[in-house]
């Protein structure tokens, strides 16, 4: 378990480093990030691929070809949010009360549960253990009234992590001689975040829906009926909660590995010979970072693909 107040700065560093890399890959010397506007299928390419795999609404009109637009930091590092609870063992979130709770990054919520104090996001700290019999709570240490959430927007420290607004634009493109260094730092921070989240999840319970991408930090999931996965009408929109994995908390958005960014685009008939890697790993590799050994087999670096 990380020390008090150590883990969130790592997440800040991941957003900062990734933002600088994304701003840099728009320069001609480095491959830009392209994203299919109907799918979560990012691709770091100068010339985007010609793989026929766009099975989104309206794909028949495009003959299953992707429709590429400029990507952003949220296409490289997928944001995963969950409800913030003052007491995870308290009252469960109901569908009618879901708007009474803030949604923050799942990694940050996991760190708050582990002991990190952030202004605006209070959490109950217990000094005595909770008595449970199987999944039933016998004694939770009494009822404590939750503090009212602060309405001031400036008091929330997580505004700096907001990637849906123009906060990421504050990062100016770095100098060309610093790109490889920033890429290596970004990749190291990404691995450190996944390593820390995996260790915290061994001690604190995290649940994930087996049908959709919803994640909840706590001993059991919430009761908000927000699941829109296949046949959700049969479940009345309820989630199917199960134990989460690190890929649910820090999901890797896999993209096709491109050996030569300025070469010909990828061909659909040869896709079985192309490898894949997380978007951050692929982007940092093109920027000059050293690829960890565990990603090399899935990237199929030992296969030489000849054009048709």
C-alpha atoms as a PDB file:
ATOM      1  CA  UNK A   1       0.000   0.000   0.000  1.00  0.00           C
ATOM      2  CA  UNK A   2       1.475   3.386  -0.928  1.00  0.00           C
ATOM      3  CA  UNK A   3       2.217   5.924   1.730  1.00  0.00           C
ATOM      4  CA  UNK A   4      -0.294   8.590   2.631  1.00  0.00           C
ATOM      5  CA  UNK A   5      -0.622  11.084  -0.210  1.00  0.00           C
ATOM      6  CA  UNK A   6       1.864   9.394  -2.561  1.00  0.00           C
ATOM      7  CA  UNK A   7      -0.326   7.728  -5.171  1.00  0.00           C
ATOM      8  CA  UNK A   8      -2.401  10.647  -6.559  1.00  0.00           C
ATOM      9  CA  UNK A   9       0.704  12.618  -7.693  1.00  0.00           C
ATOM     10  CA  UNK A  10       1.570   9.588  -9.817  1.00  0.00           C
ATOM     11  CA  UNK A  11      -1.807   9.872 -11.515  1.00  0.00           C
ATOM     12  CA  UNK A  12      -1.224  13.601 -11.990  1.00  0.00           C
ATOM     13  CA  UNK A  13       2.128  12.787 -13.606  1.00  0.00           C
ATOM     14  CA  UNK A  14       0.509  10.253 -15.942  1.00  0.00           C
ATOM     15  CA  UNK A  15      -2.022  12.821 -17.183  1.00  0.00           C
ATOM     16  CA  UNK A  16       0.652  15.498 -17.523  1.00  0.00           C
ATOM     17  CA  UNK A  17       3.131  13.297 -19.389  1.00  0.00           C
ATOM     18  CA  UNK A  18       0.451  11.837 -21.649  1.00  0.00           C
ATOM     19  CA  UNK A  19      -0.874  15.305 -22.402  1.00  0.00           C
ATOM     20  CA  UNK A  20       2.558  16.516 -23.457  1.00  0.00           C
ATOM     21  CA  UNK A  21       3.082  13.462 -25.653  1.00  0.00           C
ATOM     22  CA  UNK A  22      -0.333  13.864 -27.317  1.00  0.00           C
ATOM     23  CA  UNK A  23       0.437  17.526 -27.998  1.00  0.00           C
ATOM     24  CA  UNK A  24       3.805  16.550 -29.453  1.00  0.00           C
ATOM     25  CA  UNK A  25       2.594  13.816 -31.812  1.00  0.00           C
ATOM     26  CA  UNK A  26       0.905  16.435 -33.963  1.00  0.00           C
ATOM     27  CA  UNK A  27       4.314  17.542 -35.268  1.00  0.00           C
ATOM     28  CA  UNK A  28       5.365  16.211 -38.674  1.00  0.00           C
ATOM     29  CA  UNK A  29       8.347  14.259 -37.307  1.00  0.00           C
ATOM     30  CA  UNK A  30       6.111  12.044 -35.149  1.00  0.00           C
ATOM     31  CA  UNK A  31       2.980  10.034 -35.986  1.00  0.00           C
ATOM     32  CA  UNK A  32      -0.303  11.690 -35.016  1.00  0.00           C
ATOM     33  CA  UNK A  33      -3.009   9.926 -33.085  1.00  0.00           C
ATOM     34  CA  UNK A  34      -6.093   9.001 -35.079  1.00  0.00           C
ATOM     35  CA  UNK A  35      -9.323   7.705 -33.613  1.00  0.00           C
ATOM     36  CA  UNK A  36     -12.375   6.182 -35.243  1.00  0.00           C
ATOM     37  CA  UNK A  37     -15.248   8.494 -34.370  1.00  0.00           C
ATOM     38  CA  UNK A  38     -17.716   5.627 -33.869  1.00  0.00           C
ATOM     39  CA  UNK A  39     -15.459   3.088 -32.150  1.00  0.00           C
ATOM     40  CA  UNK A  40     -12.847   2.995 -29.387  1.00  0.00           C
ATOM     41  CA  UNK A  41     -10.179   1.857 -31.839  1.00  0.00           C
ATOM     42  CA  UNK A  42      -7.292   4.301 -31.611  1.00  0.00           C
ATOM     43  CA  UNK A  43      -4.364   4.112 -33.984  1.00  0.00           C
ATOM     44  CA  UNK A  44      -1.067   6.011 -33.921  1.00  0.00           C
ATOM     45  CA  UNK A  45      -0.370   6.452 -37.609  1.00  0.00           C
ATOM     46  CA  UNK A  46       0.631   9.031 -40.169  1.00  0.00           C
ATOM     47  CA  UNK A  47      -1.480   7.191 -42.722  1.00  0.00           C
ATOM     48  CA  UNK A  48      -4.346   5.464 -40.947  1.00  0.00           C
ATOM     49  CA  UNK A  49      -4.970   1.789 -41.586  1.00  0.00           C
ATOM     50  CA  UNK A  50      -7.325   0.269 -44.149  1.00  0.00           C
ATOM     51  CA  UNK A  51      -8.492  -2.553 -41.901  1.00  0.00           C
ATOM     52  CA  UNK A  52     -12.141  -3.421 -42.450  1.00  0.00           C
ATOM     53  CA  UNK A  53     -13.397  -3.663 -38.866  1.00  0.00           C
ATOM     54  CA  UNK A  54     -15.725  -0.718 -38.223  1.00  0.00           C
ATOM     55  CA  UNK A  55     -18.862  -2.538 -37.043  1.00  0.00           C
ATOM     56  CA  UNK A  56     -20.584   0.504 -35.585  1.00  0.00           C
ATOM     57  CA  UNK A  57     -23.983   1.983 -36.561  1.00  0.00           C
ATOM     58  CA  UNK A  58     -23.842   3.127 -40.166  1.00  0.00           C
ATOM     59  CA  UNK A  59     -20.904   0.882 -41.049  1.00  0.00           C
ATOM     60  CA  UNK A  60     -22.702  -0.555 -44.075  1.00  0.00           C
ATOM     61  CA  UNK A  61     -22.641   2.818 -45.781  1.00  0.00           C
ATOM     62  CA  UNK A  62     -18.876   2.995 -45.200  1.00  0.00           C
ATOM     63  CA  UNK A  63     -18.397  -0.669 -46.181  1.00  0.00           C
ATOM     64  CA  UNK A  64     -17.014  -1.270 -42.666  1.00  0.00           C
ATOM     65  CA  UNK A  65     -14.123   1.158 -43.177  1.00  0.00           C
ATOM     66  CA  UNK A  66     -13.177   3.377 -40.250  1.00  0.00           C
ATOM     67  CA  UNK A  67     -13.905   7.103 -40.284  1.00  0.00           C
ATOM     68  CA  UNK A  68     -10.818   8.688 -38.734  1.00  0.00           C
ATOM     69  CA  UNK A  69     -10.697  11.944 -36.772  1.00  0.00           C
ATOM     70  CA  UNK A  70      -8.033  13.517 -34.585  1.00  0.00           C
ATOM     71  CA  UNK A  71      -7.666  11.749 -31.236  1.00  0.00           C
ATOM     72  CA  UNK A  72      -7.252  13.166 -27.740  1.00  0.00           C
ATOM     73  CA  UNK A  73      -5.797  12.104 -24.413  1.00  0.00           C
ATOM     74  CA  UNK A  74      -9.024  10.276 -23.511  1.00  0.00           C
ATOM     75  CA  UNK A  75      -8.547   8.016 -26.535  1.00  0.00           C
ATOM     76  CA  UNK A  76      -5.091   6.986 -25.336  1.00  0.00           C
ATOM     77  CA  UNK A  77      -5.810   6.737 -21.612  1.00  0.00           C
ATOM     78  CA  UNK A  78      -9.455   5.731 -21.231  1.00  0.00           C
ATOM     79  CA  UNK A  79     -11.050   7.541 -18.265  1.00  0.00           C
ATOM     80  CA  UNK A  80     -12.874   5.245 -15.813  1.00  0.00           C
ATOM     81  CA  UNK A  81     -15.061   6.901 -13.192  1.00  0.00           C
ATOM     82  CA  UNK A  82     -16.981   5.598 -10.199  1.00  0.00           C
ATOM     83  CA  UNK A  83     -19.141   7.035  -7.435  1.00  0.00           C
ATOM     84  CA  UNK A  84     -17.396   8.580  -4.447  1.00  0.00           C
ATOM     85  CA  UNK A  85     -18.754   7.266  -1.136  1.00  0.00           C
ATOM     86  CA  UNK A  86     -18.123   8.703   2.293  1.00  0.00           C
ATOM     87  CA  UNK A  87     -18.659   5.249   3.811  1.00  0.00           C
ATOM     88  CA  UNK A  88     -18.381   2.260   1.428  1.00  0.00           C
ATOM     89  CA  UNK A  89     -20.047   0.067   4.100  1.00  0.00           C
ATOM     90  CA  UNK A  90     -22.924   2.502   4.576  1.00  0.00           C
ATOM     91  CA  UNK A  91     -26.103   2.852   2.588  1.00  0.00           C
ATOM     92  CA  UNK A  92     -25.956   1.635  -0.990  1.00  0.00           C
ATOM     93  CA  UNK A  93     -26.551   4.024  -3.850  1.00  0.00           C
ATOM     94  CA  UNK A  94     -30.085   3.751  -5.186  1.00  0.00           C
ATOM     95  CA  UNK A  95     -31.227   4.683  -8.655  1.00  0.00           C
ATOM     96  CA  UNK A  96     -33.152   7.729  -7.437  1.00  0.00           C
ATOM     97  CA  UNK A  97     -30.229   8.983  -5.311  1.00  0.00           C
ATOM     98  CA  UNK A  98     -27.443   8.520  -7.875  1.00  0.00           C
ATOM     99  CA  UNK A  99     -27.188  12.261  -8.559  1.00  0.00           C
ATOM    100  CA  UNK A 100     -26.373  12.918  -4.894  1.00  0.00           C
ATOM    101  CA  UNK A 101     -22.916  11.379  -5.322  1.00  0.00           C
ATOM    102  CA  UNK A 102     -19.919  12.709  -7.234  1.00  0.00           C
ATOM    103  CA  UNK A 103     -18.232  10.621  -9.882  1.00  0.00           C
ATOM    104  CA  UNK A 104     -14.449  10.740  -9.812  1.00  0.00           C
ATOM    105  CA  UNK A 105     -11.618   8.678 -11.226  1.00  0.00           C
ATOM    106  CA  UNK A 106     -11.708   5.081 -10.027  1.00  0.00           C
ATOM    107  CA  UNK A 107      -7.986   5.142  -9.240  1.00  0.00           C
ATOM    108  CA  UNK A 108      -8.417   8.282  -7.125  1.00  0.00           C
ATOM    109  CA  UNK A 109     -11.412   6.769  -5.316  1.00  0.00           C
ATOM    110  CA  UNK A 110      -9.354   3.656  -4.607  1.00  0.00           C
ATOM    111  CA  UNK A 111      -6.578   5.817  -3.164  1.00  0.00           C
ATOM    112  CA  UNK A 112      -9.041   7.753  -0.988  1.00  0.00           C
ATOM    113  CA  UNK A 113     -10.318   4.465   0.396  1.00  0.00           C
ATOM    114  CA  UNK A 114      -6.712   3.449   1.102  1.00  0.00           C
ATOM    115  CA  UNK A 115      -6.073   6.530   3.260  1.00  0.00           C
ATOM    116  CA  UNK A 116      -5.400   9.529   1.008  1.00  0.00           C
ATOM    117  CA  UNK A 117      -7.203  12.711   2.107  1.00  0.00           C
ATOM    118  CA  UNK A 118      -8.383  15.087  -0.615  1.00  0.00           C
ATOM    119  CA  UNK A 119     -10.273  18.310   0.101  1.00  0.00           C
ATOM    120  CA  UNK A 120     -13.846  18.090  -1.128  1.00  0.00           C
ATOM    121  CA  UNK A 121     -13.925  14.281  -0.988  1.00  0.00           C
ATOM    122  CA  UNK A 122     -14.232  13.245   2.689  1.00  0.00           C
ATOM    123  CA  UNK A 123     -14.046   9.613   3.694  1.00  0.00           C
ATOM    124  CA  UNK A 124     -14.866   7.848   6.940  1.00  0.00           C
ATOM    125  CA  UNK A 125     -11.811   6.529   8.794  1.00  0.00           C
ATOM    126  CA  UNK A 126     -12.552   3.644  11.132  1.00  0.00           C
ATOM    127  CA  UNK A 127     -10.470   2.695  14.153  1.00  0.00           C
ATOM    128  CA  UNK A 128     -12.306  -0.575  14.823  1.00  0.00           C
ATOM    129  CA  UNK A 129     -12.868  -3.460  12.400  1.00  0.00           C
ATOM    130  CA  UNK A 130     -16.253  -4.175  10.836  1.00  0.00           C
ATOM    131  CA  UNK A 131     -17.957  -7.374  11.949  1.00  0.00           C
ATOM    132  CA  UNK A 132     -19.333  -9.417   9.061  1.00  0.00           C
ATOM    133  CA  UNK A 133     -20.848 -12.858   8.670  1.00  0.00           C
ATOM    134  CA  UNK A 134     -20.208 -13.924   5.094  1.00  0.00           C
ATOM    135  CA  UNK A 135     -21.666 -11.009   3.086  1.00  0.00           C
ATOM    136  CA  UNK A 136     -23.898  -9.673   5.851  1.00  0.00           C
ATOM    137  CA  UNK A 137     -22.649  -6.767   7.962  1.00  0.00           C
ATOM    138  CA  UNK A 138     -23.334  -7.357  11.658  1.00  0.00           C
ATOM    139  CA  UNK A 139     -21.683  -4.260  13.126  1.00  0.00           C
ATOM    140  CA  UNK A 140     -20.415  -1.345  11.036  1.00  0.00           C
ATOM    141  CA  UNK A 141     -19.462   0.839  13.983  1.00  0.00           C
ATOM    142  CA  UNK A 142     -22.603   2.935  14.220  1.00  0.00           C
ATOM    143  CA  UNK A 143     -24.209   5.382  11.836  1.00  0.00           C
ATOM    144  CA  UNK A 144     -22.369   8.586  10.970  1.00  0.00           C
ATOM    145  CA  UNK A 145     -24.070  11.351   9.031  1.00  0.00           C
ATOM    146  CA  UNK A 146     -22.313  12.107   5.783  1.00  0.00           C
ATOM    147  CA  UNK A 147     -21.007  15.661   5.335  1.00  0.00           C
ATOM    148  CA  UNK A 148     -22.691  17.707   2.664  1.00  0.00           C
ATOM    149  CA  UNK A 149     -20.674  17.994  -0.566  1.00  0.00           C
ATOM    150  CA  UNK A 150     -18.957  21.297  -1.199  1.00  0.00           C
ATOM    151  CA  UNK A 151     -20.594  23.298  -3.979  1.00  0.00           C
ATOM    152  CA  UNK A 152     -17.548  25.437  -4.768  1.00  0.00           C
ATOM    153  CA  UNK A 153     -15.926  24.340  -8.006  1.00  0.00           C
ATOM    154  CA  UNK A 154     -12.556  25.842  -7.037  1.00  0.00           C
ATOM    155  CA  UNK A 155     -12.307  23.643  -3.933  1.00  0.00           C
ATOM    156  CA  UNK A 156     -12.074  20.429  -5.941  1.00  0.00           C
ATOM    157  CA  UNK A 157      -8.421  19.446  -6.477  1.00  0.00           C
ATOM    158  CA  UNK A 158      -9.360  16.945  -9.208  1.00  0.00           C
ATOM    159  CA  UNK A 159     -10.171  19.770 -11.613  1.00  0.00           C
ATOM    160  CA  UNK A 160      -6.536  19.468 -12.706  1.00  0.00           C
ATOM    161  CA  UNK A 161      -7.305  15.939 -13.902  1.00  0.00           C
ATOM    162  CA  UNK A 162     -10.239  17.071 -16.029  1.00  0.00           C
ATOM    163  CA  UNK A 163      -9.505  16.008 -19.603  1.00  0.00           C
ATOM    164  CA  UNK A 164     -12.926  16.847 -21.036  1.00  0.00           C
ATOM    165  CA  UNK A 165     -12.205  20.581 -20.992  1.00  0.00           C
ATOM    166  CA  UNK A 166      -9.284  22.728 -22.116  1.00  0.00           C
ATOM    167  CA  UNK A 167      -7.033  21.913 -19.161  1.00  0.00           C
ATOM    168  CA  UNK A 168      -4.895  19.619 -21.280  1.00  0.00           C
ATOM    169  CA  UNK A 169      -4.151  22.476 -23.688  1.00  0.00           C
ATOM    170  CA  UNK A 170      -1.983  24.132 -21.047  1.00  0.00           C
ATOM    171  CA  UNK A 171       0.791  21.688 -21.975  1.00  0.00           C
ATOM    172  CA  UNK A 172       2.868  23.188 -24.738  1.00  0.00           C
ATOM    173  CA  UNK A 173       4.665  20.847 -27.154  1.00  0.00           C
ATOM    174  CA  UNK A 174       8.082  19.932 -25.731  1.00  0.00           C
ATOM    175  CA  UNK A 175      11.364  20.415 -27.522  1.00  0.00           C
ATOM    176  CA  UNK A 176      12.435  17.689 -29.931  1.00  0.00           C
ATOM    177  CA  UNK A 177      15.354  16.580 -27.738  1.00  0.00           C
ATOM    178  CA  UNK A 178      12.993  16.074 -24.750  1.00  0.00           C
ATOM    179  CA  UNK A 179      10.442  13.907 -26.538  1.00  0.00           C
ATOM    180  CA  UNK A 180      12.149  10.563 -25.906  1.00  0.00           C
ATOM    181  CA  UNK A 181      12.702  11.430 -22.239  1.00  0.00           C
ATOM    182  CA  UNK A 182       9.061  12.417 -21.738  1.00  0.00           C
ATOM    183  CA  UNK A 183       7.932   9.285 -23.560  1.00  0.00           C
ATOM    184  CA  UNK A 184       9.999   7.082 -21.251  1.00  0.00           C
ATOM    185  CA  UNK A 185       8.676   8.915 -18.178  1.00  0.00           C
ATOM    186  CA  UNK A 186       5.108   8.502 -19.430  1.00  0.00           C
ATOM    187  CA  UNK A 187       5.555   4.779 -19.943  1.00  0.00           C
ATOM    188  CA  UNK A 188       7.185   4.361 -16.523  1.00  0.00           C
ATOM    189  CA  UNK A 189       4.360   6.254 -14.799  1.00  0.00           C
ATOM    190  CA  UNK A 190       1.757   4.186 -16.680  1.00  0.00           C
ATOM    191  CA  UNK A 191       3.338   0.968 -15.429  1.00  0.00           C
ATOM    192  CA  UNK A 192       3.597   2.392 -11.907  1.00  0.00           C
ATOM    193  CA  UNK A 193      -0.106   3.311 -11.874  1.00  0.00           C
ATOM    194  CA  UNK A 194      -1.102  -0.207 -12.959  1.00  0.00           C
ATOM    195  CA  UNK A 195       1.277  -1.766 -10.429  1.00  0.00           C
ATOM    196  CA  UNK A 196      -0.086   0.393  -7.596  1.00  0.00           C
ATOM    197  CA  UNK A 197      -3.725  -0.229  -8.561  1.00  0.00           C
ATOM    198  CA  UNK A 198      -3.099  -3.981  -8.633  1.00  0.00           C
ATOM    199  CA  UNK A 199      -1.619  -3.926  -5.118  1.00  0.00           C
ATOM    200  CA  UNK A 200      -4.455  -1.806  -3.720  1.00  0.00           C
ATOM    201  CA  UNK A 201      -7.074  -4.082  -5.270  1.00  0.00           C
ATOM    202  CA  UNK A 202      -5.651  -7.007  -3.310  1.00  0.00           C
ATOM    203  CA  UNK A 203      -6.618  -5.274  -0.066  1.00  0.00           C
ATOM    204  CA  UNK A 204      -9.683  -3.223  -1.022  1.00  0.00           C
ATOM    205  CA  UNK A 205     -12.667  -4.610  -2.894  1.00  0.00           C
ATOM    206  CA  UNK A 206     -13.454  -3.274  -6.362  1.00  0.00           C
ATOM    207  CA  UNK A 207     -16.444  -4.481  -8.364  1.00  0.00           C
ATOM    208  CA  UNK A 208     -17.027  -4.376 -12.109  1.00  0.00           C
ATOM    209  CA  UNK A 209     -20.115  -5.066 -14.166  1.00  0.00           C
ATOM    210  CA  UNK A 210     -19.902  -8.241 -16.216  1.00  0.00           C
ATOM    211  CA  UNK A 211     -22.016  -6.707 -18.983  1.00  0.00           C
ATOM    212  CA  UNK A 212     -20.766  -3.103 -19.319  1.00  0.00           C
ATOM    213  CA  UNK A 213     -17.732  -1.062 -18.282  1.00  0.00           C
ATOM    214  CA  UNK A 214     -19.134   0.280 -14.987  1.00  0.00           C
ATOM    215  CA  UNK A 215     -16.751   0.017 -12.007  1.00  0.00           C
ATOM    216  CA  UNK A 216     -17.507   0.564  -8.328  1.00  0.00           C
ATOM    217  CA  UNK A 217     -15.061   0.840  -5.433  1.00  0.00           C
ATOM    218  CA  UNK A 218     -16.481  -0.873  -2.361  1.00  0.00           C
ATOM    219  CA  UNK A 219     -17.460  -4.257  -0.936  1.00  0.00           C
ATOM    220  CA  UNK A 220     -20.552  -4.444  -3.174  1.00  0.00           C
ATOM    221  CA  UNK A 221     -21.868  -2.599  -6.183  1.00  0.00           C
ATOM    222  CA  UNK A 222     -24.479   0.147  -6.338  1.00  0.00           C
ATOM    223  CA  UNK A 223     -28.134  -0.214  -7.289  1.00  0.00           C
ATOM    224  CA  UNK A 224     -28.260   2.426 -10.016  1.00  0.00           C
ATOM    225  CA  UNK A 225     -29.991   0.962 -13.069  1.00  0.00           C
ATOM    226  CA  UNK A 226     -27.614   2.318 -15.694  1.00  0.00           C
ATOM    227  CA  UNK A 227     -26.495  -0.817 -17.520  1.00  0.00           C
ATOM    228  CA  UNK A 228     -27.201  -0.494 -21.243  1.00  0.00           C
ATOM    229  CA  UNK A 229     -25.490  -3.676 -22.395  1.00  0.00           C
ATOM    230  CA  UNK A 230     -27.072  -6.449 -24.426  1.00  0.00           C
ATOM    231  CA  UNK A 231     -30.518  -7.501 -23.121  1.00  0.00           C
ATOM    232  CA  UNK A 232     -30.416  -4.989 -20.290  1.00  0.00           C
ATOM    233  CA  UNK A 233     -34.231  -4.861 -20.385  1.00  0.00           C
ATOM    234  CA  UNK A 234     -34.326  -8.347 -18.908  1.00  0.00           C
ATOM    235  CA  UNK A 235     -32.322  -7.132 -15.904  1.00  0.00           C
ATOM    236  CA  UNK A 236     -34.232  -3.842 -15.570  1.00  0.00           C
ATOM    237  CA  UNK A 237     -30.949  -2.019 -16.216  1.00  0.00           C
ATOM    238  CA  UNK A 238     -29.223  -3.543 -13.181  1.00  0.00           C
ATOM    239  CA  UNK A 239     -25.522  -4.294 -13.279  1.00  0.00           C
ATOM    240  CA  UNK A 240     -24.077  -7.775 -12.902  1.00  0.00           C
ATOM    241  CA  UNK A 241     -21.355  -7.185 -10.318  1.00  0.00           C
ATOM    242  CA  UNK A 242     -18.239  -9.323 -10.076  1.00  0.00           C
ATOM    243  CA  UNK A 243     -14.678  -8.884  -8.844  1.00  0.00           C
ATOM    244  CA  UNK A 244     -12.806  -6.362 -10.963  1.00  0.00           C
ATOM    245  CA  UNK A 245      -9.365  -6.724 -12.479  1.00  0.00           C
ATOM    246  CA  UNK A 246      -6.698  -4.109 -13.061  1.00  0.00           C
ATOM    247  CA  UNK A 247      -7.794  -3.870 -16.715  1.00  0.00           C
ATOM    248  CA  UNK A 248     -11.215  -2.708 -15.518  1.00  0.00           C
ATOM    249  CA  UNK A 249      -9.701   0.073 -13.381  1.00  0.00           C
ATOM    250  CA  UNK A 250      -6.892   1.084 -15.783  1.00  0.00           C
ATOM    251  CA  UNK A 251      -8.111  -0.239 -19.140  1.00  0.00           C
ATOM    252  CA  UNK A 252      -5.519  -0.594 -21.908  1.00  0.00           C
ATOM    253  CA  UNK A 253      -6.940   0.647 -25.209  1.00  0.00           C
ATOM    254  CA  UNK A 254      -5.244  -1.760 -27.610  1.00  0.00           C
ATOM    255  CA  UNK A 255      -4.198  -0.455 -31.017  1.00  0.00           C
ATOM    256  CA  UNK A 256      -2.503  -2.095 -33.966  1.00  0.00           C
ATOM    257  CA  UNK A 257       1.272  -2.066 -33.809  1.00  0.00           C
ATOM    258  CA  UNK A 258       2.849  -0.192 -36.714  1.00  0.00           C
ATOM    259  CA  UNK A 259       6.486  -0.956 -37.481  1.00  0.00           C
ATOM    260  CA  UNK A 260       6.979   1.993 -39.844  1.00  0.00           C
ATOM    261  CA  UNK A 261       4.711   4.983 -39.078  1.00  0.00           C
ATOM    262  CA  UNK A 262       5.555   6.622 -42.406  1.00  0.00           C
ATOM    263  CA  UNK A 263       5.162   3.438 -44.413  1.00  0.00           C
ATOM    264  CA  UNK A 264       2.103   2.123 -46.244  1.00  0.00           C
ATOM    265  CA  UNK A 265      -1.138   1.725 -44.274  1.00  0.00           C
ATOM    266  CA  UNK A 266      -2.113  -1.575 -42.713  1.00  0.00           C
ATOM    267  CA  UNK A 267      -3.960  -4.027 -44.956  1.00  0.00           C
ATOM    268  CA  UNK A 268      -7.017  -5.939 -43.817  1.00  0.00           C
ATOM    269  CA  UNK A 269      -5.908  -9.210 -45.465  1.00  0.00           C
ATOM    270  CA  UNK A 270      -2.724  -9.235 -43.373  1.00  0.00           C
ATOM    271  CA  UNK A 271      -4.205  -8.325 -40.004  1.00  0.00           C
ATOM    272  CA  UNK A 272      -3.418 -11.785 -38.577  1.00  0.00           C
ATOM    273  CA  UNK A 273       0.275 -10.884 -38.902  1.00  0.00           C
ATOM    274  CA  UNK A 274      -0.072  -7.529 -37.117  1.00  0.00           C
ATOM    275  CA  UNK A 275       0.469  -7.245 -33.377  1.00  0.00           C
ATOM    276  CA  UNK A 276      -1.273  -5.027 -30.865  1.00  0.00           C
ATOM    277  CA  UNK A 277      -0.267  -2.974 -27.843  1.00  0.00           C
ATOM    278  CA  UNK A 278      -1.889  -0.489 -25.430  1.00  0.00           C
ATOM    279  CA  UNK A 279      -2.268   2.949 -26.969  1.00  0.00           C
ATOM    280  CA  UNK A 280       0.123   4.563 -24.470  1.00  0.00           C
ATOM    281  CA  UNK A 281       2.787   1.928 -25.122  1.00  0.00           C
ATOM    282  CA  UNK A 282       2.498   2.255 -28.907  1.00  0.00           C
ATOM    283  CA  UNK A 283       2.579   6.055 -28.782  1.00  0.00           C
ATOM    284  CA  UNK A 284       5.551   6.173 -26.405  1.00  0.00           C
ATOM    285  CA  UNK A 285       7.433   3.622 -28.505  1.00  0.00           C
ATOM    286  CA  UNK A 286       7.133   5.832 -31.599  1.00  0.00           C
ATOM    287  CA  UNK A 287       8.305   8.779 -29.489  1.00  0.00           C
ATOM    288  CA  UNK A 288      11.507   6.962 -28.475  1.00  0.00           C
ATOM    289  CA  UNK A 289      10.673   5.003 -25.313  1.00  0.00           C
ATOM    290  CA  UNK A 290      11.932   1.478 -24.700  1.00  0.00           C
ATOM    291  CA  UNK A 291       9.158  -1.116 -24.868  1.00  0.00           C
ATOM    292  CA  UNK A 292       8.875  -3.390 -21.778  1.00  0.00           C
ATOM    293  CA  UNK A 293       9.503  -7.053 -22.431  1.00  0.00           C
ATOM    294  CA  UNK A 294       5.981  -8.121 -21.487  1.00  0.00           C
ATOM    295  CA  UNK A 295       4.508  -6.184 -24.442  1.00  0.00           C
ATOM    296  CA  UNK A 296       6.887  -7.488 -27.088  1.00  0.00           C
ATOM    297  CA  UNK A 297       5.147 -10.864 -27.695  1.00  0.00           C
ATOM    298  CA  UNK A 298       1.748  -9.243 -28.318  1.00  0.00           C
ATOM    299  CA  UNK A 299       3.336  -6.664 -30.620  1.00  0.00           C
ATOM    300  CA  UNK A 300       4.797  -9.491 -32.775  1.00  0.00           C
ATOM    301  CA  UNK A 301       8.088  -7.686 -33.271  1.00  0.00           C
ATOM    302  CA  UNK A 302       9.766 -10.793 -34.685  1.00  0.00           C
ATOM    303  CA  UNK A 303       7.421 -11.010 -37.701  1.00  0.00           C
ATOM    304  CA  UNK A 304       8.280  -9.281 -40.951  1.00  0.00           C
ATOM    305  CA  UNK A 305       5.186  -8.364 -42.979  1.00  0.00           C
ATOM    306  CA  UNK A 306       5.577  -7.875 -46.720  1.00  0.00           C
ATOM    307  CA  UNK A 307       3.128  -5.795 -48.703  1.00  0.00           C
ATOM    308  CA  UNK A 308       0.780  -7.289 -51.288  1.00  0.00           C
END
